[in-house]
Each structure stands twice: as structure tokens, then as C-alpha cells.
N, C-alpha and C. Protein backbone atom coordinates (compact mmCIF):
# COMPACT_ATOMS: atom_id res chain seq x y z
N UNK A 1 107.89 126.81 153.60
CA UNK A 1 107.47 125.70 152.75
C UNK A 1 106.95 126.28 151.48
N UNK A 2 107.33 125.68 150.38
CA UNK A 2 106.95 126.11 149.08
C UNK A 2 105.73 125.28 148.94
N UNK A 3 104.57 125.97 148.47
CA UNK A 3 103.46 125.37 147.90
C UNK A 3 103.35 125.24 146.41
N UNK A 4 103.10 124.18 145.66
CA UNK A 4 102.96 124.27 144.36
C UNK A 4 101.74 123.78 143.76
N UNK A 5 101.34 124.17 142.83
CA UNK A 5 99.81 123.74 142.44
C UNK A 5 99.94 122.73 141.34
N UNK A 6 99.38 121.54 141.48
CA UNK A 6 99.68 120.59 140.37
C UNK A 6 98.12 120.27 139.99
N UNK A 7 97.69 120.87 138.82
CA UNK A 7 96.36 120.84 138.16
C UNK A 7 96.17 119.13 137.95
N UNK A 8 94.95 118.71 138.33
CA UNK A 8 94.59 117.36 138.27
C UNK A 8 93.03 117.38 137.91
N UNK A 9 92.53 116.53 137.04
CA UNK A 9 91.06 116.32 136.79
C UNK A 9 90.94 115.82 135.42
N UNK A 10 89.65 115.86 134.90
CA UNK A 10 89.29 115.37 133.59
C UNK A 10 88.89 116.44 132.81
N UNK A 11 89.12 116.42 131.45
CA UNK A 11 88.62 117.20 130.36
C UNK A 11 87.92 116.39 129.53
N UNK A 12 86.61 116.91 129.03
CA UNK A 12 85.67 116.17 128.32
C UNK A 12 85.90 116.83 126.77
N UNK A 13 86.47 116.40 125.94
CA UNK A 13 86.84 117.00 124.54
C UNK A 13 85.87 116.41 123.50
N UNK A 14 85.22 117.28 122.96
CA UNK A 14 84.39 116.95 121.65
C UNK A 14 85.31 116.85 120.35
N UNK A 15 86.15 115.78 120.09
CA UNK A 15 87.01 115.61 119.16
C UNK A 15 86.35 115.81 117.75
N UNK A 16 86.90 116.70 117.03
CA UNK A 16 86.52 116.84 115.58
C UNK A 16 87.02 115.81 114.81
N UNK A 17 86.57 115.64 113.39
CA UNK A 17 87.18 114.83 112.48
C UNK A 17 88.57 115.43 112.20
N UNK A 18 89.74 114.48 112.09
CA UNK A 18 90.99 114.99 111.67
C UNK A 18 91.93 114.59 112.56
N UNK A 19 92.07 115.28 113.69
CA UNK A 19 93.14 114.98 114.65
C UNK A 19 93.17 113.68 115.19
N UNK A 20 94.30 113.22 115.37
CA UNK A 20 94.44 111.92 116.31
C UNK A 20 94.06 112.41 117.82
N UNK A 21 93.81 111.24 118.55
CA UNK A 21 93.83 111.51 119.99
C UNK A 21 94.97 112.02 120.42
N UNK A 22 96.35 111.61 119.89
CA UNK A 22 97.48 112.04 120.35
C UNK A 22 97.73 113.34 120.10
N UNK A 23 97.32 113.77 118.92
CA UNK A 23 97.39 114.98 118.43
C UNK A 23 96.58 116.18 119.38
N UNK A 24 95.64 115.67 119.95
CA UNK A 24 94.86 116.53 121.17
C UNK A 24 95.74 116.56 122.36
N UNK A 25 96.24 115.43 122.67
CA UNK A 25 96.98 115.47 123.95
C UNK A 25 98.28 116.26 123.71
N UNK A 26 98.82 116.28 122.55
CA UNK A 26 100.03 117.04 122.35
C UNK A 26 99.58 118.71 122.53
N UNK A 27 98.48 119.08 121.78
CA UNK A 27 98.20 120.43 121.85
C UNK A 27 97.81 120.90 123.25
N UNK A 28 97.24 120.15 123.98
CA UNK A 28 96.92 120.33 125.53
C UNK A 28 98.36 120.63 126.21
N UNK A 29 99.31 119.79 125.82
CA UNK A 29 100.39 119.83 126.61
C UNK A 29 101.31 121.30 126.23
N UNK A 30 101.28 121.54 124.98
CA UNK A 30 101.73 122.89 124.28
C UNK A 30 100.99 123.83 125.12
N UNK A 31 99.72 124.02 125.00
CA UNK A 31 98.78 124.86 125.73
C UNK A 31 99.19 125.30 127.32
N UNK A 32 98.90 124.11 127.85
CA UNK A 32 99.16 124.18 129.36
C UNK A 32 100.64 124.18 130.02
N UNK A 33 101.37 123.52 129.19
CA UNK A 33 102.71 123.32 129.96
C UNK A 33 102.65 122.02 130.97
N UNK A 34 101.44 121.38 130.78
CA UNK A 34 101.47 120.16 131.71
C UNK A 34 102.10 118.95 130.85
N UNK A 35 103.06 118.22 131.47
CA UNK A 35 103.35 117.05 130.83
C UNK A 35 102.58 115.75 131.05
N UNK A 36 101.92 115.57 132.29
CA UNK A 36 101.22 114.52 132.67
C UNK A 36 99.81 114.65 132.18
N UNK A 37 99.62 114.33 130.79
CA UNK A 37 98.25 114.27 130.34
C UNK A 37 97.92 112.89 129.46
N UNK A 38 96.73 112.40 129.55
CA UNK A 38 96.51 111.14 128.77
C UNK A 38 95.16 111.08 128.48
N UNK A 39 94.76 110.04 127.84
CA UNK A 39 93.44 109.84 127.26
C UNK A 39 92.73 108.42 127.62
N UNK A 40 91.39 108.15 127.61
CA UNK A 40 90.99 107.05 127.95
C UNK A 40 90.57 106.16 126.86
N UNK A 41 91.21 106.45 125.78
CA UNK A 41 90.98 105.48 124.54
C UNK A 41 91.21 106.15 123.46
N UNK A 42 91.79 105.50 122.40
CA UNK A 42 91.98 106.38 121.18
C UNK A 42 90.75 106.36 120.16
N UNK A 43 90.53 107.48 119.82
CA UNK A 43 89.73 107.74 118.66
C UNK A 43 90.18 107.77 117.21
N UNK A 44 89.86 107.18 116.39
CA UNK A 44 90.32 107.22 114.92
C UNK A 44 90.23 108.58 114.47
N UNK A 45 91.39 108.90 113.57
CA UNK A 45 91.10 110.32 113.20
C UNK A 45 89.85 110.62 112.37
N UNK A 46 89.17 109.65 111.77
CA UNK A 46 87.91 109.82 111.09
C UNK A 46 86.89 109.96 112.22
N UNK A 47 86.94 109.62 113.35
CA UNK A 47 85.93 109.53 114.33
C UNK A 47 85.78 110.84 115.03
N UNK A 48 84.58 111.42 115.46
CA UNK A 48 84.13 112.50 116.04
C UNK A 48 83.52 112.11 117.57
N UNK A 49 83.66 112.80 118.44
CA UNK A 49 82.93 112.21 119.70
C UNK A 49 83.80 112.65 120.70
N UNK A 50 83.36 111.98 122.03
CA UNK A 50 83.98 112.24 123.25
C UNK A 50 85.42 111.65 123.46
N UNK A 51 86.21 112.37 123.80
CA UNK A 51 87.67 112.15 124.27
C UNK A 51 87.90 112.59 125.47
N UNK A 52 87.90 111.57 126.48
CA UNK A 52 88.14 111.88 127.94
C UNK A 52 89.61 111.91 128.25
N UNK A 53 89.96 113.08 128.65
CA UNK A 53 91.35 113.37 128.89
C UNK A 53 91.92 113.47 130.45
N UNK A 54 92.58 112.93 130.87
CA UNK A 54 93.06 113.06 132.46
C UNK A 54 94.30 113.68 132.58
N UNK A 55 94.41 114.70 133.47
CA UNK A 55 95.42 115.57 133.67
C UNK A 55 95.87 115.20 135.01
N UNK A 56 97.33 115.32 135.10
CA UNK A 56 98.00 115.31 136.33
C UNK A 56 97.75 113.87 137.02
N UNK A 57 97.57 113.80 138.37
CA UNK A 57 97.22 112.63 139.22
C UNK A 57 95.82 111.90 138.60
N UNK A 58 95.11 112.46 137.98
CA UNK A 58 93.95 111.93 137.41
C UNK A 58 94.01 110.73 136.33
N UNK A 59 95.46 110.99 135.65
CA UNK A 59 95.79 109.99 134.67
C UNK A 59 95.72 108.59 135.20
N UNK A 60 96.00 108.23 136.50
CA UNK A 60 95.85 107.20 137.27
C UNK A 60 94.61 106.48 137.19
N UNK A 61 93.52 107.14 136.97
CA UNK A 61 92.06 106.71 136.91
C UNK A 61 91.72 106.31 135.69
N UNK A 62 92.43 106.77 134.58
CA UNK A 62 92.10 106.44 133.11
C UNK A 62 91.61 105.01 132.82
N UNK A 63 92.42 104.19 133.29
CA UNK A 63 92.37 102.71 133.11
C UNK A 63 90.93 102.33 133.45
N UNK A 64 90.34 102.97 134.56
CA UNK A 64 88.92 102.41 134.81
C UNK A 64 87.77 102.85 133.79
N UNK A 65 88.21 103.77 133.12
CA UNK A 65 87.25 104.30 132.06
C UNK A 65 87.33 103.56 130.74
N UNK A 66 88.32 103.02 130.50
CA UNK A 66 88.77 102.26 129.37
C UNK A 66 87.74 101.16 128.95
N UNK A 67 87.46 100.55 129.94
CA UNK A 67 86.47 99.25 129.81
C UNK A 67 84.88 99.60 129.81
N UNK A 68 84.53 100.79 130.22
CA UNK A 68 83.21 101.13 130.19
C UNK A 68 82.43 101.04 128.74
N UNK A 69 81.16 100.84 128.87
CA UNK A 69 80.43 100.64 127.47
C UNK A 69 80.36 101.98 126.94
N UNK A 70 80.44 101.67 125.36
CA UNK A 70 80.58 102.82 124.39
C UNK A 70 79.70 102.59 123.41
N UNK A 71 79.29 103.80 122.72
CA UNK A 71 78.32 103.42 121.51
C UNK A 71 78.99 104.08 120.25
N UNK A 72 78.90 103.46 119.39
CA UNK A 72 79.48 103.90 117.99
C UNK A 72 78.22 103.96 117.01
N UNK A 73 78.34 105.12 116.34
CA UNK A 73 77.55 105.37 115.13
C UNK A 73 78.14 104.99 113.82
N UNK A 74 77.54 104.38 112.89
CA UNK A 74 78.51 103.94 111.70
C UNK A 74 77.67 103.83 110.42
N UNK A 75 78.16 103.92 109.36
CA UNK A 75 77.57 103.59 108.14
C UNK A 75 78.59 102.75 107.25
N UNK A 76 78.27 101.42 107.00
CA UNK A 76 79.02 100.58 106.13
C UNK A 76 78.32 100.32 104.95
N UNK A 77 79.07 99.80 103.96
CA UNK A 77 78.73 99.21 102.75
C UNK A 77 79.24 97.80 102.72
N UNK A 78 78.33 96.82 102.99
CA UNK A 78 78.83 95.43 103.04
C UNK A 78 78.88 95.01 101.49
N UNK A 79 80.07 94.12 101.32
CA UNK A 79 80.22 93.82 99.99
C UNK A 79 81.09 94.60 99.26
N UNK A 80 81.50 95.79 99.86
CA UNK A 80 82.47 96.71 99.15
C UNK A 80 83.80 96.36 99.59
N UNK A 81 84.84 96.48 98.79
CA UNK A 81 86.42 96.22 99.24
C UNK A 81 87.18 97.51 98.65
N UNK A 82 87.89 98.03 99.46
CA UNK A 82 88.77 99.36 99.10
C UNK A 82 90.12 98.80 99.21
N UNK A 83 91.01 99.80 98.84
CA UNK A 83 92.54 99.61 98.91
C UNK A 83 93.01 99.65 100.35
N UNK A 84 92.38 100.41 101.00
CA UNK A 84 92.83 100.70 102.53
C UNK A 84 91.85 100.16 103.54
N UNK A 85 90.73 99.47 103.11
CA UNK A 85 89.66 99.08 104.11
C UNK A 85 89.02 100.50 104.98
N UNK A 86 89.20 101.59 104.41
CA UNK A 86 88.58 102.69 105.02
C UNK A 86 88.33 103.75 103.82
N UNK A 87 87.74 104.79 104.33
CA UNK A 87 86.90 105.73 103.16
C UNK A 87 88.11 106.29 102.23
N UNK A 88 89.48 106.53 102.84
CA UNK A 88 90.40 107.20 102.01
C UNK A 88 90.78 106.34 100.83
N UNK A 89 90.53 104.85 100.80
CA UNK A 89 91.00 104.15 99.65
C UNK A 89 90.07 104.06 98.51
N UNK A 90 90.67 103.63 97.45
CA UNK A 90 89.82 103.50 96.21
C UNK A 90 89.05 102.35 96.35
N UNK A 91 87.74 102.47 95.95
CA UNK A 91 86.77 101.10 95.83
C UNK A 91 87.52 100.04 94.73
N UNK A 92 87.67 98.81 95.33
CA UNK A 92 88.08 97.83 94.26
C UNK A 92 87.14 97.07 93.60
N UNK A 93 85.97 96.76 94.54
CA UNK A 93 85.14 95.92 94.25
C UNK A 93 83.78 95.97 94.96
N UNK A 94 82.74 96.04 94.31
CA UNK A 94 81.32 96.24 95.16
C UNK A 94 80.39 95.06 94.71
N UNK A 95 79.68 94.30 95.62
CA UNK A 95 78.90 93.26 95.40
C UNK A 95 77.84 93.55 94.57
N UNK A 96 77.21 92.81 93.61
CA UNK A 96 76.16 93.08 92.85
C UNK A 96 74.87 92.73 93.45
N UNK A 97 73.89 93.56 93.26
CA UNK A 97 72.54 93.25 93.79
C UNK A 97 72.33 94.26 95.15
N UNK A 98 71.07 94.06 95.50
CA UNK A 98 70.63 94.88 96.73
C UNK A 98 70.94 94.14 97.94
N UNK A 99 70.95 92.82 97.86
CA UNK A 99 71.10 92.17 99.09
C UNK A 99 72.06 90.77 98.69
N UNK A 100 72.71 90.20 99.85
CA UNK A 100 73.34 89.05 99.83
C UNK A 100 72.55 88.10 99.30
N UNK A 101 72.77 87.28 98.19
CA UNK A 101 72.00 86.27 97.70
C UNK A 101 71.76 85.05 98.81
N UNK A 102 72.68 84.70 99.54
CA UNK A 102 72.56 83.83 100.65
C UNK A 102 71.75 84.09 101.92
N UNK A 103 71.86 85.33 102.27
CA UNK A 103 71.07 85.57 103.43
C UNK A 103 69.95 86.75 103.29
N UNK A 104 70.02 87.49 102.10
CA UNK A 104 68.91 88.52 102.14
C UNK A 104 69.32 89.74 102.79
N UNK A 105 70.57 89.92 103.29
CA UNK A 105 70.94 91.01 104.04
C UNK A 105 71.30 92.17 103.30
N UNK A 106 70.66 93.36 103.41
CA UNK A 106 70.98 94.39 102.65
C UNK A 106 72.44 94.89 102.48
N UNK A 107 72.86 95.38 101.44
CA UNK A 107 74.46 95.58 101.42
C UNK A 107 74.85 97.02 101.94
N UNK A 108 73.93 97.74 102.19
CA UNK A 108 74.25 99.02 102.88
C UNK A 108 73.35 99.10 104.45
N UNK A 109 74.03 99.65 105.02
CA UNK A 109 73.61 99.57 106.53
C UNK A 109 74.16 100.80 107.17
N UNK A 110 73.21 101.18 108.25
CA UNK A 110 73.46 102.67 108.84
C UNK A 110 73.01 102.29 110.28
N UNK A 111 73.60 102.54 111.38
CA UNK A 111 73.00 102.26 112.83
C UNK A 111 74.00 102.57 113.75
N UNK A 112 73.72 101.94 114.94
CA UNK A 112 74.56 102.15 116.23
C UNK A 112 75.18 100.82 116.66
N UNK A 113 76.44 100.72 117.07
CA UNK A 113 76.97 99.59 117.59
C UNK A 113 77.40 99.90 118.94
N UNK A 114 77.13 98.92 119.93
CA UNK A 114 77.31 99.14 121.30
C UNK A 114 78.40 98.24 121.86
N UNK A 115 79.28 98.66 122.68
CA UNK A 115 80.23 97.80 123.21
C UNK A 115 80.17 97.77 124.73
């Protein structure tokens, strides 16, 4: 009887800014030669942080992780509009003043968003 080893488990990757989640998967497939690799949710190329990777039979469990609570740290400029709605675009318009006249809410904010 022929025994074959099928790697299975999870990898926790600290994804840097730049590569997409799929870029990370492609790199792991090239390095390991394993085709059955997936992730528990896409991180934007601008995002850094935990990318949960499933390998082999563990990919079937990734669906259970997708709905778990997450925390995002973000800085936004309220009242600013850019050509791409992200930091790569050119700013087209910026609201005047330090706060929204109707609400008194500051136009810049930094903090955490939980889901």
C-alpha cells in the first residue's frame, strides 16, 4: 500500500501592503507545489494584517472563519472626494472648514471599526 502525505492546516500570514490576497495564495502554491490553498477573506492590496490561509483539507473549514468578528484601523478624510475613492486617486474636492456645518462632526477621523 502506498502512503501519500497530504499537508493540511492553517497558515497565519502577516500580509504586507502591496500584494493582493490572491498574490499570497499564488506564491504559496509556487513555493509548496500544493494546489489546494485558499484564504478566509480578501484583504485589499492597501491593507496590512492577518491573512488566514487554509491548506489541503483545511480549506473546507475556511467558510466558518469568514463570518467572525474583525477589527479594522482606518484614517479617513470626511468631505474629500478623489477620482478613485481611494488614496491612489487625485483629490477633486475637499469640504471647507474643520467640521460639517450641519453636525459639527470633524472632517478628519482616525480609529477602529469593528464588524
